[in-house]
Amino acid sequence: MNEKDLFKVVEEFKEIYRKEVGREFPMSVKEQLMLAIEAVFKSWNNNRAKVYRRLHNISDKLGTAVNIQAMVFREHGRQLWYWSIVQ
């Protein structure tokens, strides 16, 4: 996949987001992070999660958590290196 193809895929995903959510994909990193955190907490009470907990004898009283990591990008010649830093 070249750069042009990747940009096309990104635009296609933004269009899917726009159709499903009813608004533009947020370009603010902070807003993206907050929406991702919100999605994790909301997922705790969806039907699939409830069924999963029931099937595996997991209490509904436990709750869930969000782990946040910062990704560090570094170009090394023609390669791009990724490091994950646990916050």
C-alpha atoms as a PDB file:
ATOM      1  CA  MET A   1       0.000   0.000   0.000  1.00  0.00           C
ATOM      2  CA  ASN A   2       1.478   3.324  -0.994  1.00  0.00           C
ATOM      3  CA  GLU A   3       0.878   6.758   0.504  1.00  0.00           C
ATOM      4  CA  LYS A   4      -1.888   7.634  -1.958  1.00  0.00           C
ATOM      5  CA  ASP A   5      -3.731   4.391  -1.158  1.00  0.00           C
ATOM      6  CA  LEU A   6      -3.420   5.044   2.571  1.00  0.00           C
ATOM      7  CA  PHE A   7      -4.907   8.539   2.229  1.00  0.00           C
ATOM      8  CA  LYS A   8      -7.812   7.017   0.266  1.00  0.00           C
ATOM      9  CA  VAL A   9      -8.463   4.467   3.038  1.00  0.00           C
ATOM     10  CA  VAL A  10      -8.403   7.220   5.676  1.00  0.00           C
ATOM     11  CA  GLU A  11     -10.929   9.273   3.702  1.00  0.00           C
ATOM     12  CA  GLU A  12     -13.170   6.212   3.310  1.00  0.00           C
ATOM     13  CA  PHE A  13     -13.087   5.583   7.077  1.00  0.00           C
ATOM     14  CA  LYS A  14     -13.859   9.246   7.769  1.00  0.00           C
ATOM     15  CA  GLU A  15     -16.889   8.956   5.486  1.00  0.00           C
ATOM     16  CA  ILE A  16     -18.063   5.811   7.306  1.00  0.00           C
ATOM     17  CA  TYR A  17     -17.654   7.645  10.629  1.00  0.00           C
ATOM     18  CA  ARG A  18     -19.592  10.645   9.287  1.00  0.00           C
ATOM     19  CA  LYS A  19     -22.475   8.410   8.147  1.00  0.00           C
ATOM     20  CA  GLU A  20     -22.596   6.316  11.343  1.00  0.00           C
ATOM     21  CA  VAL A  21     -22.064   9.066  13.921  1.00  0.00           C
ATOM     22  CA  GLY A  22     -23.648  11.995  12.099  1.00  0.00           C
ATOM     23  CA  ARG A  23     -20.712  14.369  12.400  1.00  0.00           C
ATOM     24  CA  GLU A  24     -17.178  14.845  11.157  1.00  0.00           C
ATOM     25  CA  PHE A  25     -14.356  12.749  12.597  1.00  0.00           C
ATOM     26  CA  PRO A  26     -12.725  14.797  15.382  1.00  0.00           C
ATOM     27  CA  MET A  27      -9.300  16.106  14.411  1.00  0.00           C
ATOM     28  CA  SER A  28      -8.362  17.083  17.962  1.00  0.00           C
ATOM     29  CA  VAL A  29      -6.228  14.396  19.586  1.00  0.00           C
ATOM     30  CA  LYS A  30      -7.687  15.268  22.991  1.00  0.00           C
ATOM     31  CA  GLU A  31     -11.248  14.871  21.684  1.00  0.00           C
ATOM     32  CA  GLN A  32     -10.351  11.546  20.061  1.00  0.00           C
ATOM     33  CA  LEU A  33      -8.885  10.339  23.360  1.00  0.00           C
ATOM     34  CA  MET A  34     -11.903  11.434  25.385  1.00  0.00           C
ATOM     35  CA  LEU A  35     -14.309   9.766  22.929  1.00  0.00           C
ATOM     36  CA  ALA A  36     -12.271   6.551  23.056  1.00  0.00           C
ATOM     37  CA  ILE A  37     -12.343   6.547  26.870  1.00  0.00           C
ATOM     38  CA  GLU A  38     -16.089   7.204  26.843  1.00  0.00           C
ATOM     39  CA  ALA A  39     -16.612   4.302  24.421  1.00  0.00           C
ATOM     40  CA  VAL A  40     -14.776   1.903  26.754  1.00  0.00           C
ATOM     41  CA  PHE A  41     -16.913   2.842  29.738  1.00  0.00           C
ATOM     42  CA  LYS A  42     -20.139   2.726  27.714  1.00  0.00           C
ATOM     43  CA  SER A  43     -19.241  -0.716  26.397  1.00  0.00           C
ATOM     44  CA  TRP A  44     -19.387  -2.174  29.919  1.00  0.00           C
ATOM     45  CA  ASN A  45     -23.180  -2.195  29.836  1.00  0.00           C
ATOM     46  CA  ASN A  46     -23.848  -3.233  26.244  1.00  0.00           C
ATOM     47  CA  ASN A  47     -25.631  -6.536  25.625  1.00  0.00           C
ATOM     48  CA  ARG A  48     -22.555  -8.328  24.283  1.00  0.00           C
ATOM     49  CA  ALA A  49     -20.558  -7.448  27.406  1.00  0.00           C
ATOM     50  CA  LYS A  50     -23.383  -8.547  29.702  1.00  0.00           C
ATOM     51  CA  VAL A  51     -23.709 -11.896  27.915  1.00  0.00           C
ATOM     52  CA  TYR A  52     -19.939 -12.408  27.994  1.00  0.00           C
ATOM     53  CA  ARG A  53     -19.809 -11.734  31.744  1.00  0.00           C
ATOM     54  CA  ARG A  54     -22.741 -14.054  32.383  1.00  0.00           C
ATOM     55  CA  LEU A  55     -21.152 -16.861  30.294  1.00  0.00           C
ATOM     56  CA  HIS A  56     -17.848 -16.519  32.135  1.00  0.00           C
ATOM     57  CA  ASN A  57     -19.250 -15.936  35.629  1.00  0.00           C
ATOM     58  CA  ILE A  58     -17.873 -12.391  35.850  1.00  0.00           C
ATOM     59  CA  SER A  59     -19.652 -10.080  38.264  1.00  0.00           C
ATOM     60  CA  ASP A  60     -21.388  -6.984  36.898  1.00  0.00           C
ATOM     61  CA  LYS A  61     -20.087  -5.141  39.968  1.00  0.00           C
ATOM     62  CA  LEU A  62     -16.418  -5.182  38.908  1.00  0.00           C
ATOM     63  CA  GLY A  63     -16.365  -2.347  36.388  1.00  0.00           C
ATOM     64  CA  THR A  64     -13.828  -1.668  33.667  1.00  0.00           C
ATOM     65  CA  ALA A  65     -10.721   0.439  33.114  1.00  0.00           C
ATOM     66  CA  VAL A  66      -8.869   2.334  30.406  1.00  0.00           C
ATOM     67  CA  ASN A  67      -5.119   2.094  29.854  1.00  0.00           C
ATOM     68  CA  ILE A  68      -3.570   5.031  28.028  1.00  0.00           C
ATOM     69  CA  GLN A  69      -0.218   4.790  26.270  1.00  0.00           C
ATOM     70  CA  ALA A  70       1.789   7.387  24.404  1.00  0.00           C
ATOM     71  CA  MET A  71       3.328   6.251  21.134  1.00  0.00           C
ATOM     72  CA  VAL A  72       6.732   7.594  20.184  1.00  0.00           C
ATOM     73  CA  PHE A  73       7.592   7.661  16.487  1.00  0.00           C
ATOM     74  CA  ARG A  74      11.130   7.874  15.172  1.00  0.00           C
ATOM     75  CA  GLU A  75      12.378   7.680  11.626  1.00  0.00           C
ATOM     76  CA  HIS A  76      15.435   5.528  11.202  1.00  0.00           C
ATOM     77  CA  GLY A  77      16.597   5.666   7.618  1.00  0.00           C
ATOM     78  CA  ARG A  78      13.650   4.507   5.545  1.00  0.00           C
ATOM     79  CA  GLN A  79      12.003   2.692   8.448  1.00  0.00           C
ATOM     80  CA  LEU A  80       9.617   4.101  11.022  1.00  0.00           C
ATOM     81  CA  TRP A  81      10.113   2.808  14.561  1.00  0.00           C
ATOM     82  CA  TYR A  82       7.416   2.764  17.232  1.00  0.00           C
ATOM     83  CA  TRP A  83       7.867   2.698  20.977  1.00  0.00           C
ATOM     84  CA  SER A  84       5.040   2.474  23.436  1.00  0.00           C
ATOM     85  CA  ILE A  85       5.417   4.431  26.650  1.00  0.00           C
ATOM     86  CA  VAL A  86       3.048   3.390  29.428  1.00  0.00           C
ATOM     87  CA  GLN A  87       1.609   6.416  31.175  1.00  0.00           C
END
